[in-house]
PDB file of all heavy atoms in Angstrom:
ATOM      1  N   TYR A   1      13.143 -89.799 -65.175  1.00  0.00           N
ATOM      2  CA  TYR A   1      12.979 -88.754 -66.188  1.00  0.00           C
ATOM      3  C   TYR A   1      13.500 -87.393 -65.730  1.00  0.00           C
ATOM      4  O   TYR A   1      13.902 -86.576 -66.558  1.00  0.00           O
ATOM      5  CB  TYR A   1      11.511 -88.658 -66.602  1.00  0.00           C
ATOM      6  CG  TYR A   1      11.074 -89.807 -67.490  1.00  0.00           C
ATOM      7  CD1 TYR A   1      10.598 -90.996 -66.950  1.00  0.00           C
ATOM      8  CD2 TYR A   1      11.152 -89.703 -68.877  1.00  0.00           C
ATOM      9  CE1 TYR A   1      10.203 -92.052 -67.760  1.00  0.00           C
ATOM     10  CE2 TYR A   1      10.761 -90.751 -69.698  1.00  0.00           C
ATOM     11  CZ  TYR A   1      10.286 -91.936 -69.134  1.00  0.00           C
ATOM     12  OH  TYR A   1       9.907 -92.980 -69.945  1.00  0.00           O
ATOM     13  N   ASP A   2      13.521 -87.152 -64.433  1.00  0.00           N
ATOM     14  CA  ASP A   2      14.019 -85.871 -63.928  1.00  0.00           C
ATOM     15  C   ASP A   2      15.538 -85.808 -63.859  1.00  0.00           C
ATOM     16  O   ASP A   2      16.118 -84.719 -63.818  1.00  0.00           O
ATOM     17  CB  ASP A   2      13.453 -85.581 -62.530  1.00  0.00           C
ATOM     18  CG  ASP A   2      11.962 -85.277 -62.559  1.00  0.00           C
ATOM     19  OD1 ASP A   2      11.421 -85.059 -63.664  1.00  0.00           O
ATOM     20  OD2 ASP A   2      11.341 -85.295 -61.481  1.00  0.00           O
ATOM     21  N   THR A   3      16.197 -86.959 -63.805  1.00  0.00           N
ATOM     22  CA  THR A   3      17.649 -86.952 -63.584  1.00  0.00           C
ATOM     23  C   THR A   3      18.470 -87.389 -64.795  1.00  0.00           C
ATOM     24  O   THR A   3      19.664 -87.111 -64.845  1.00  0.00           O
ATOM     25  CB  THR A   3      18.040 -87.864 -62.399  1.00  0.00           C
ATOM     26  OG1 THR A   3      17.696 -89.223 -62.698  1.00  0.00           O
ATOM     27  CG2 THR A   3      17.332 -87.433 -61.127  1.00  0.00           C
ATOM     28  N   VAL A   4      17.847 -88.075 -65.739  1.00  0.00           N
ATOM     29  CA  VAL A   4      18.609 -88.561 -66.893  1.00  0.00           C
ATOM     30  C   VAL A   4      18.652 -87.491 -67.973  1.00  0.00           C
ATOM     31  O   VAL A   4      17.616 -87.090 -68.501  1.00  0.00           O
ATOM     32  CB  VAL A   4      17.998 -89.855 -67.462  1.00  0.00           C
ATOM     33  CG1 VAL A   4      18.782 -90.318 -68.686  1.00  0.00           C
ATOM     34  CG2 VAL A   4      18.002 -90.939 -66.402  1.00  0.00           C
ATOM     35  N   LYS A   5      19.854 -87.033 -68.281  1.00  0.00           N
ATOM     36  CA  LYS A   5      20.052 -85.969 -69.261  1.00  0.00           C
ATOM     37  C   LYS A   5      20.939 -86.468 -70.395  1.00  0.00           C
ATOM     38  O   LYS A   5      21.863 -87.237 -70.183  1.00  0.00           O
ATOM     39  CB  LYS A   5      20.713 -84.748 -68.608  1.00  0.00           C
ATOM     40  CG  LYS A   5      20.086 -84.303 -67.287  1.00  0.00           C
ATOM     41  CD  LYS A   5      18.664 -83.807 -67.462  1.00  0.00           C
ATOM     42  CE  LYS A   5      18.085 -83.345 -66.128  1.00  0.00           C
ATOM     43  NZ  LYS A   5      16.659 -82.976 -66.240  1.00  0.00           N
ATOM     44  N   ASN A   6      20.649 -86.016 -71.601  1.00  0.00           N
ATOM     45  CA  ASN A   6      21.500 -86.285 -72.766  1.00  0.00           C
ATOM     46  C   ASN A   6      21.750 -87.771 -72.986  1.00  0.00           C
ATOM     47  O   ASN A   6      22.860 -88.190 -73.313  1.00  0.00           O
ATOM     48  CB  ASN A   6      22.842 -85.551 -72.627  1.00  0.00           C
ATOM     49  CG  ASN A   6      22.672 -84.049 -72.451  1.00  0.00           C
ATOM     50  OD1 ASN A   6      21.863 -83.439 -73.136  1.00  0.00           O
ATOM     51  ND2 ASN A   6      23.419 -83.477 -71.524  1.00  0.00           N
ATOM     52  N   LEU A   7      20.705 -88.563 -72.787  1.00  0.00           N
ATOM     53  CA  LEU A   7      20.830 -89.999 -73.009  1.00  0.00           C
ATOM     54  C   LEU A   7      19.570 -90.486 -73.716  1.00  0.00           C
ATOM     55  O   LEU A   7      18.455 -90.162 -73.302  1.00  0.00           O
ATOM     56  CB  LEU A   7      21.005 -90.739 -71.673  1.00  0.00           C
ATOM     57  CG  LEU A   7      21.293 -92.242 -71.760  1.00  0.00           C
ATOM     58  CD1 LEU A   7      22.670 -92.479 -72.363  1.00  0.00           C
ATOM     59  CD2 LEU A   7      21.220 -92.890 -70.377  1.00  0.00           C
ATOM     60  N   ASN A   8      19.751 -91.231 -74.762  1.00  0.00           N
ATOM     61  CA  ASN A   8      18.632 -91.793 -75.505  1.00  0.00           C
ATOM     62  C   ASN A   8      18.190 -93.075 -74.800  1.00  0.00           C
ATOM     63  O   ASN A   8      18.871 -94.089 -74.880  1.00  0.00           O
ATOM     64  CB  ASN A   8      19.075 -92.075 -76.942  1.00  0.00           C
ATOM     65  CG  ASN A   8      17.922 -92.510 -77.826  1.00  0.00           C
ATOM     66  OD1 ASN A   8      16.757 -92.433 -77.441  1.00  0.00           O
ATOM     67  ND2 ASN A   8      18.240 -92.989 -79.014  1.00  0.00           N
ATOM     68  N   PHE A   9      17.074 -93.017 -74.074  1.00  0.00           N
ATOM     69  CA  PHE A   9      16.652 -94.166 -73.277  1.00  0.00           C
ATOM     70  C   PHE A   9      15.161 -94.438 -73.426  1.00  0.00           C
ATOM     71  O   PHE A   9      14.396 -93.599 -73.927  1.00  0.00           O
ATOM     72  CB  PHE A   9      16.999 -93.957 -71.801  1.00  0.00           C
ATOM     73  CG  PHE A   9      16.127 -92.951 -71.090  1.00  0.00           C
ATOM     74  CD1 PHE A   9      15.051 -93.367 -70.321  1.00  0.00           C
ATOM     75  CD2 PHE A   9      16.389 -91.591 -71.181  1.00  0.00           C
ATOM     76  CE1 PHE A   9      14.247 -92.443 -69.660  1.00  0.00           C
ATOM     77  CE2 PHE A   9      15.592 -90.660 -70.519  1.00  0.00           C
ATOM     78  CZ  PHE A   9      14.517 -91.088 -69.759  1.00  0.00           C
ATOM     79  N   GLU A  10      14.768 -95.619 -72.995  1.00  0.00           N
ATOM     80  CA  GLU A  10      13.368 -96.013 -72.966  1.00  0.00           C
ATOM     81  C   GLU A  10      13.083 -96.699 -71.636  1.00  0.00           C
ATOM     82  O   GLU A  10      13.993 -97.206 -70.979  1.00  0.00           O
ATOM     83  CB  GLU A  10      13.057 -96.985 -74.111  1.00  0.00           C
ATOM     84  CG  GLU A  10      13.819 -98.295 -74.023  1.00  0.00           C
ATOM     85  CD  GLU A  10      13.568 -99.244 -75.184  1.00  0.00           C
ATOM     86  OE1 GLU A  10      12.703 -98.944 -76.031  1.00  0.00           O
ATOM     87  OE2 GLU A  10      14.254-100.293 -75.244  1.00  0.00           O
ATOM     88  N   VAL A  11      11.823 -96.693 -71.224  1.00  0.00           N
ATOM     89  CA  VAL A  11      11.407 -97.371 -69.997  1.00  0.00           C
ATOM     90  C   VAL A  11      10.326 -98.383 -70.357  1.00  0.00           C
ATOM     91  O   VAL A  11       9.373 -98.066 -71.073  1.00  0.00           O
ATOM     92  CB  VAL A  11      10.876 -96.378 -68.948  1.00  0.00           C
ATOM     93  CG1 VAL A  11      10.339 -97.125 -67.738  1.00  0.00           C
ATOM     94  CG2 VAL A  11      11.961 -95.392 -68.535  1.00  0.00           C
ATOM     95  N   ILE A  12      10.505 -99.603 -69.874  1.00  0.00           N
ATOM     96  CA  ILE A  12       9.547-100.679 -70.131  1.00  0.00           C
ATOM     97  C   ILE A  12       9.066-101.221 -68.792  1.00  0.00           C
ATOM     98  O   ILE A  12       9.868-101.675 -67.978  1.00  0.00           O
ATOM     99  CB  ILE A  12      10.197-101.808 -70.954  1.00  0.00           C
ATOM    100  CG1 ILE A  12      10.694-101.259 -72.299  1.00  0.00           C
ATOM    101  CG2 ILE A  12       9.220-102.960 -71.168  1.00  0.00           C
ATOM    102  CD1 ILE A  12      11.706-102.141 -72.991  1.00  0.00           C
ATOM    103  N   ILE A  13       7.764-101.149 -68.567  1.00  0.00           N
ATOM    104  CA  ILE A  13       7.175-101.664 -67.320  1.00  0.00           C
ATOM    105  C   ILE A  13       6.462-102.969 -67.615  1.00  0.00           C
ATOM    106  O   ILE A  13       5.604-103.050 -68.496  1.00  0.00           O
ATOM    107  CB  ILE A  13       6.195-100.656 -66.710  1.00  0.00           C
ATOM    108  CG1 ILE A  13       6.933 -99.371 -66.307  1.00  0.00           C
ATOM    109  CG2 ILE A  13       5.487-101.257 -65.496  1.00  0.00           C
ATOM    110  CD1 ILE A  13       6.021 -98.272 -65.814  1.00  0.00           C
ATOM    111  N   SER A  14       6.830-104.016 -66.880  1.00  0.00           N
ATOM    112  CA  SER A  14       6.180-105.321 -66.971  1.00  0.00           C
ATOM    113  C   SER A  14       5.403-105.518 -65.671  1.00  0.00           C
ATOM    114  O   SER A  14       5.989-105.745 -64.614  1.00  0.00           O
ATOM    115  CB  SER A  14       7.246-106.417 -67.162  1.00  0.00           C
ATOM    116  OG  SER A  14       6.673-107.698 -67.191  1.00  0.00           O
ATOM    117  N   ASP A  15       4.075-105.397 -65.753  1.00  0.00           N
ATOM    118  CA  ASP A  15       3.240-105.353 -64.547  1.00  0.00           C
ATOM    119  C   ASP A  15       2.715-106.734 -64.178  1.00  0.00           C
ATOM    120  O   ASP A  15       1.970-107.358 -64.923  1.00  0.00           O
ATOM    121  CB  ASP A  15       2.075-104.391 -64.767  1.00  0.00           C
ATOM    122  CG  ASP A  15       1.229-104.236 -63.515  1.00  0.00           C
ATOM    123  OD1 ASP A  15       1.783-104.364 -62.406  1.00  0.00           O
ATOM    124  OD2 ASP A  15       0.009-103.993 -63.639  1.00  0.00           O
ATOM    125  N   ASN A  16       3.112-107.193 -62.988  1.00  0.00           N
ATOM    126  CA  ASN A  16       2.743-108.515 -62.486  1.00  0.00           C
ATOM    127  C   ASN A  16       1.581-108.481 -61.505  1.00  0.00           C
ATOM    128  O   ASN A  16       1.335-109.471 -60.821  1.00  0.00           O
ATOM    129  CB  ASN A  16       3.941-109.153 -61.782  1.00  0.00           C
ATOM    130  CG  ASN A  16       4.802-109.985 -62.717  1.00  0.00           C
ATOM    131  OD1 ASN A  16       4.357-110.387 -63.777  1.00  0.00           O
ATOM    132  ND2 ASN A  16       6.034-110.231 -62.327  1.00  0.00           N
ATOM    133  N   SER A  17       0.894-107.371 -61.397  1.00  0.00           N
ATOM    134  CA  SER A  17      -0.133-107.248 -60.344  1.00  0.00           C
ATOM    135  C   SER A  17      -1.522-107.067 -60.964  1.00  0.00           C
ATOM    136  O   SER A  17      -1.986-105.942 -61.144  1.00  0.00           O
ATOM    137  CB  SER A  17       0.204-106.070 -59.428  1.00  0.00           C
ATOM    138  OG  SER A  17       0.639-104.951 -60.172  1.00  0.00           O
ATOM    139  N   PRO A  18      -2.192-108.164 -61.289  1.00  0.00           N
ATOM    140  CA  PRO A  18      -3.498-108.067 -61.954  1.00  0.00           C
ATOM    141  C   PRO A  18      -4.611-107.515 -61.084  1.00  0.00           C
ATOM    142  O   PRO A  18      -5.631-107.062 -61.595  1.00  0.00           O
ATOM    143  CB  PRO A  18      -3.788-109.529 -62.344  1.00  0.00           C
ATOM    144  CG  PRO A  18      -2.998-110.349 -61.381  1.00  0.00           C
ATOM    145  CD  PRO A  18      -1.757-109.560 -61.094  1.00  0.00           C
ATOM    146  N   ASN A  19      -4.418-107.522 -59.770  1.00  0.00           N
ATOM    147  CA  ASN A  19      -5.513-107.128 -58.877  1.00  0.00           C
ATOM    148  C   ASN A  19      -5.301-105.805 -58.169  1.00  0.00           C
ATOM    149  O   ASN A  19      -5.986-105.515 -57.194  1.00  0.00           O
ATOM    150  CB  ASN A  19      -5.735-108.235 -57.832  1.00  0.00           C
ATOM    151  CG  ASN A  19      -6.133-109.553 -58.473  1.00  0.00           C
ATOM    152  OD1 ASN A  19      -6.922-109.570 -59.412  1.00  0.00           O
ATOM    153  ND2 ASN A  19      -5.589-110.654 -57.982  1.00  0.00           N
ATOM    154  N   ASP A  20      -4.356-104.985 -58.644  1.00  0.00           N
ATOM    155  CA  ASP A  20      -4.237-103.658 -58.056  1.00  0.00           C
ATOM    156  C   ASP A  20      -4.382-102.607 -59.156  1.00  0.00           C
ATOM    157  O   ASP A  20      -4.720-102.931 -60.301  1.00  0.00           O
ATOM    158  CB  ASP A  20      -2.920-103.499 -57.277  1.00  0.00           C
ATOM    159  CG  ASP A  20      -1.723-103.207 -58.172  1.00  0.00           C
ATOM    160  OD1 ASP A  20      -1.827-103.407 -59.397  1.00  0.00           O
ATOM    161  OD2 ASP A  20      -0.682-102.778 -57.649  1.00  0.00           O
ATOM    162  N   ASN A  21      -4.140-101.351 -58.835  1.00  0.00           N
ATOM    163  CA  ASN A  21      -4.423-100.262 -59.771  1.00  0.00           C
ATOM    164  C   ASN A  21      -3.171 -99.693 -60.417  1.00  0.00           C
ATOM    165  O   ASN A  21      -3.157 -98.537 -60.826  1.00  0.00           O
ATOM    166  CB  ASN A  21      -5.187 -99.143 -59.042  1.00  0.00           C
ATOM    167  CG  ASN A  21      -5.780 -98.135 -60.023  1.00  0.00           C
ATOM    168  OD1 ASN A  21      -6.278 -98.525 -61.085  1.00  0.00           O
ATOM    169  ND2 ASN A  21      -5.722 -96.866 -59.675  1.00  0.00           N
ATOM    170  N   THR A  22      -2.094-100.493 -60.525  1.00  0.00           N
ATOM    171  CA  THR A  22      -0.886 -99.996 -61.169  1.00  0.00           C
ATOM    172  C   THR A  22      -1.173 -99.554 -62.601  1.00  0.00           C
ATOM    173  O   THR A  22      -0.702 -98.494 -63.047  1.00  0.00           O
ATOM    174  CB  THR A  22       0.217-101.074 -61.166  1.00  0.00           C
ATOM    175  OG1 THR A  22       0.523-101.431 -59.818  1.00  0.00           O
ATOM    176  CG2 THR A  22       1.475-100.557 -61.839  1.00  0.00           C
ATOM    177  N   ALA A  23      -1.949-100.344 -63.332  1.00  0.00           N
ATOM    178  CA  ALA A  23      -2.287 -99.990 -64.722  1.00  0.00           C
ATOM    179  C   ALA A  23      -3.045 -98.662 -64.773  1.00  0.00           C
ATOM    180  O   ALA A  23      -2.783 -97.820 -65.645  1.00  0.00           O
ATOM    181  CB  ALA A  23      -3.114-101.103 -65.357  1.00  0.00           C
ATOM    182  N   GLY A  24      -3.961 -98.468 -63.830  1.00  0.00           N
ATOM    183  CA  GLY A  24      -4.710 -97.214 -63.792  1.00  0.00           C
ATOM    184  C   GLY A  24      -3.821 -96.028 -63.510  1.00  0.00           C
ATOM    185  O   GLY A  24      -3.977 -94.953 -64.115  1.00  0.00           O
ATOM    186  N   VAL A  25      -2.879 -96.201 -62.594  1.00  0.00           N
ATOM    187  CA  VAL A  25      -1.935 -95.119 -62.272  1.00  0.00           C
ATOM    188  C   VAL A  25      -1.094 -94.780 -63.499  1.00  0.00           C
ATOM    189  O   VAL A  25      -0.911 -93.601 -63.836  1.00  0.00           O
ATOM    190  CB  VAL A  25      -1.023 -95.538 -61.097  1.00  0.00           C
ATOM    191  CG1 VAL A  25       0.105 -94.522 -60.907  1.00  0.00           C
ATOM    192  CG2 VAL A  25      -1.831 -95.667 -59.814  1.00  0.00           C
ATOM    193  N   ILE A  26      -0.586 -95.800 -64.183  1.00  0.00           N
ATOM    194  CA  ILE A  26       0.242 -95.568 -65.367  1.00  0.00           C
ATOM    195  C   ILE A  26      -0.558 -94.878 -66.464  1.00  0.00           C
ATOM    196  O   ILE A  26      -0.079 -93.922 -67.102  1.00  0.00           O
ATOM    197  CB  ILE A  26       0.832 -96.898 -65.894  1.00  0.00           C
ATOM    198  CG1 ILE A  26       1.798 -97.492 -64.869  1.00  0.00           C
ATOM    199  CG2 ILE A  26       1.537 -96.676 -67.233  1.00  0.00           C
ATOM    200  CD1 ILE A  26       3.014 -96.636 -64.591  1.00  0.00           C
ATOM    201  N   ASN A  27      -1.775 -95.320 -66.710  1.00  0.00           N
ATOM    202  CA  ASN A  27      -2.609 -94.691 -67.735  1.00  0.00           C
ATOM    203  C   ASN A  27      -2.865 -93.225 -67.435  1.00  0.00           C
ATOM    204  O   ASN A  27      -2.952 -92.390 -68.349  1.00  0.00           O
ATOM    205  CB  ASN A  27      -3.942 -95.437 -67.865  1.00  0.00           C
ATOM    206  CG  ASN A  27      -3.795 -96.754 -68.602  1.00  0.00           C
ATOM    207  OD1 ASN A  27      -2.924 -96.907 -69.436  1.00  0.00           O
ATOM    208  ND2 ASN A  27      -4.647 -97.721 -68.267  1.00  0.00           N
ATOM    209  N   LYS A  28      -2.952 -92.906 -66.154  1.00  0.00           N
ATOM    210  CA  LYS A  28      -3.242 -91.531 -65.743  1.00  0.00           C
ATOM    211  C   LYS A  28      -2.038 -90.606 -65.924  1.00  0.00           C
ATOM    212  O   LYS A  28      -2.183 -89.417 -66.217  1.00  0.00           O
ATOM    213  CB  LYS A  28      -3.688 -91.541 -64.275  1.00  0.00           C
ATOM    214  CG  LYS A  28      -4.226 -90.219 -63.780  1.00  0.00           C
ATOM    215  CD  LYS A  28      -4.765 -90.376 -62.356  1.00  0.00           C
ATOM    216  CE  LYS A  28      -5.324 -89.064 -61.829  1.00  0.00           C
ATOM    217  NZ  LYS A  28      -5.853 -89.213 -60.443  1.00  0.00           N
ATOM    218  N   ILE A  29      -0.833 -91.146 -65.754  1.00  0.00           N
ATOM    219  CA  ILE A  29       0.363 -90.292 -65.739  1.00  0.00           C
ATOM    220  C   ILE A  29       1.272 -90.475 -66.949  1.00  0.00           C
ATOM    221  O   ILE A  29       2.244 -89.735 -67.110  1.00  0.00           O
ATOM    222  CB  ILE A  29       1.195 -90.554 -64.470  1.00  0.00           C
ATOM    223  CG1 ILE A  29       1.720 -91.998 -64.457  1.00  0.00           C
ATOM    224  CG2 ILE A  29       0.385 -90.254 -63.213  1.00  0.00           C
ATOM    225  CD1 ILE A  29       2.630 -92.318 -63.284  1.00  0.00           C
ATOM    226  N   LYS A  30       0.977 -91.450 -67.815  1.00  0.00           N
ATOM    227  CA  LYS A  30       1.939 -91.806 -68.867  1.00  0.00           C
ATOM    228  C   LYS A  30       2.185 -90.689 -69.877  1.00  0.00           C
ATOM    229  O   LYS A  30       3.227 -90.673 -70.538  1.00  0.00           O
ATOM    230  CB  LYS A  30       1.485 -93.070 -69.593  1.00  0.00           C
ATOM    231  CG  LYS A  30       0.219 -92.915 -70.415  1.00  0.00           C
ATOM    232  CD  LYS A  30      -0.130 -94.240 -71.100  1.00  0.00           C
ATOM    233  CE  LYS A  30      -1.395 -94.097 -71.937  1.00  0.00           C
ATOM    234  NZ  LYS A  30      -1.749 -95.378 -72.594  1.00  0.00           N
ATOM    235  N   SER A  31       1.280 -89.741 -69.984  1.00  0.00           N
ATOM    236  CA  SER A  31       1.455 -88.660 -70.960  1.00  0.00           C
ATOM    237  C   SER A  31       2.675 -87.791 -70.659  1.00  0.00           C
ATOM    238  O   SER A  31       3.202 -87.129 -71.545  1.00  0.00           O
ATOM    239  CB  SER A  31       0.198 -87.791 -71.015  1.00  0.00           C
ATOM    240  OG  SER A  31      -0.050 -87.199 -69.750  1.00  0.00           O
ATOM    241  N   LYS A  32       3.147 -87.789 -69.398  1.00  0.00           N
ATOM    242  CA  LYS A  32       4.310 -86.953 -69.072  1.00  0.00           C
ATOM    243  C   LYS A  32       5.637 -87.687 -69.262  1.00  0.00           C
ATOM    244  O   LYS A  32       6.696 -87.106 -69.048  1.00  0.00           O
ATOM    245  CB  LYS A  32       4.200 -86.408 -67.647  1.00  0.00           C
ATOM    246  CG  LYS A  32       4.273 -87.431 -66.530  1.00  0.00           C
ATOM    247  CD  LYS A  32       4.235 -86.714 -65.163  1.00  0.00           C
ATOM    248  CE  LYS A  32       4.264 -87.695 -64.009  1.00  0.00           C
ATOM    249  NZ  LYS A  32       4.361 -87.013 -62.700  1.00  0.00           N
ATOM    250  N   TYR A  33       5.573 -88.946 -69.683  1.00  0.00           N
ATOM    251  CA  TYR A  33       6.793 -89.722 -69.899  1.00  0.00           C
ATOM    252  C   TYR A  33       6.896 -90.150 -71.361  1.00  0.00           C
ATOM    253  O   TYR A  33       5.990 -90.797 -71.888  1.00  0.00           O
ATOM    254  CB  TYR A  33       6.804 -90.976 -69.019  1.00  0.00           C
ATOM    255  CG  TYR A  33       6.587 -90.735 -67.558  1.00  0.00           C
ATOM    256  CD1 TYR A  33       5.473 -91.257 -66.910  1.00  0.00           C
ATOM    257  CD2 TYR A  33       7.494 -89.975 -66.812  1.00  0.00           C
ATOM    258  CE1 TYR A  33       5.264 -91.044 -65.558  1.00  0.00           C
ATOM    259  CE2 TYR A  33       7.286 -89.759 -65.459  1.00  0.00           C
ATOM    260  CZ  TYR A  33       6.169 -90.288 -64.841  1.00  0.00           C
ATOM    261  OH  TYR A  33       5.959 -90.069 -63.503  1.00  0.00           O
ATOM    262  N   LYS A  34       7.988 -89.832 -71.988  1.00  0.00           N
ATOM    263  CA  LYS A  34       8.196 -90.271 -73.372  1.00  0.00           C
ATOM    264  C   LYS A  34       8.830 -91.665 -73.390  1.00  0.00           C
ATOM    265  O   LYS A  34       9.494 -92.075 -72.435  1.00  0.00           O
ATOM    266  CB  LYS A  34       9.080 -89.280 -74.125  1.00  0.00           C
ATOM    267  CG  LYS A  34      10.513 -89.207 -73.625  1.00  0.00           C
ATOM    268  CD  LYS A  34      11.352 -88.288 -74.497  1.00  0.00           C
ATOM    269  CE  LYS A  34      12.812 -88.303 -74.026  1.00  0.00           C
ATOM    270  NZ  LYS A  34      13.688 -87.498 -74.885  1.00  0.00           N
ATOM    271  N   ASP A  35       8.630 -92.364 -74.486  1.00  0.00           N
ATOM    272  CA  ASP A  35       9.236 -93.686 -74.700  1.00  0.00           C
ATOM    273  C   ASP A  35       8.980 -94.634 -73.522  1.00  0.00           C
ATOM    274  O   ASP A  35       9.878 -95.327 -73.051  1.00  0.00           O
ATOM    275  CB  ASP A  35      10.747 -93.552 -74.945  1.00  0.00           C
ATOM    276  CG  ASP A  35      11.056 -92.758 -76.201  1.00  0.00           C
ATOM    277  OD1 ASP A  35      10.371 -92.985 -77.210  1.00  0.00           O
ATOM    278  OD2 ASP A  35      11.964 -91.916 -76.174  1.00  0.00           O
ATOM    279  N   LEU A  36       7.738 -94.648 -73.061  1.00  0.00           N
ATOM    280  CA  LEU A  36       7.330 -95.544 -71.978  1.00  0.00           C
ATOM    281  C   LEU A  36       6.437 -96.641 -72.549  1.00  0.00           C
ATOM    282  O   LEU A  36       5.425 -96.358 -73.194  1.00  0.00           O
ATOM    283  CB  LEU A  36       6.579 -94.768 -70.894  1.00  0.00           C
ATOM    284  CG  LEU A  36       5.948 -95.600 -69.768  1.00  0.00           C
ATOM    285  CD1 LEU A  36       7.025 -96.291 -68.947  1.00  0.00           C
ATOM    286  CD2 LEU A  36       5.077 -94.727 -68.868  1.00  0.00           C
ATOM    287  N   THR A  37       6.826 -97.890 -72.320  1.00  0.00           N
ATOM    288  CA  THR A  37       6.040 -99.043 -72.757  1.00  0.00           C
ATOM    289  C   THR A  37       5.492 -99.751 -71.527  1.00  0.00           C
ATOM    290  O   THR A  37       6.239-100.052 -70.595  1.00  0.00           O
ATOM    291  CB  THR A  37       6.913-100.024 -73.563  1.00  0.00           C
ATOM    292  OG1 THR A  37       7.418 -99.365 -74.721  1.00  0.00           O
ATOM    293  CG2 THR A  37       6.101-101.242 -73.988  1.00  0.00           C
ATOM    294  N   PHE A  38       4.186 -99.999 -71.526  1.00  0.00           N
ATOM    295  CA  PHE A  38       3.557-100.674 -70.393  1.00  0.00           C
ATOM    296  C   PHE A  38       3.001-102.016 -70.850  1.00  0.00           C
ATOM    297  O   PHE A  38       2.240-102.095 -71.815  1.00  0.00           O
ATOM    298  CB  PHE A  38       2.434 -99.817 -69.814  1.00  0.00           C
ATOM    299  CG  PHE A  38       1.753-100.437 -68.613  1.00  0.00           C
ATOM    300  CD1 PHE A  38       2.370-100.421 -67.371  1.00  0.00           C
ATOM    301  CD2 PHE A  38       0.507-101.038 -68.744  1.00  0.00           C
ATOM    302  CE1 PHE A  38       1.756-100.999 -66.262  1.00  0.00           C
ATOM    303  CE2 PHE A  38      -0.112-101.613 -67.647  1.00  0.00           C
ATOM    304  CZ  PHE A  38       0.519-101.591 -66.405  1.00  0.00           C
TER     305      PHE A  38
END
């Protein structure tokens, strides 16, 4: 998000780790990223 300029893009995260806190981290920070699908 800091380096991509003037490009219409989306980010899709497919999380394979049911026993760690990746989902918690994403929920905490996702408000600063547009067009993010988890």
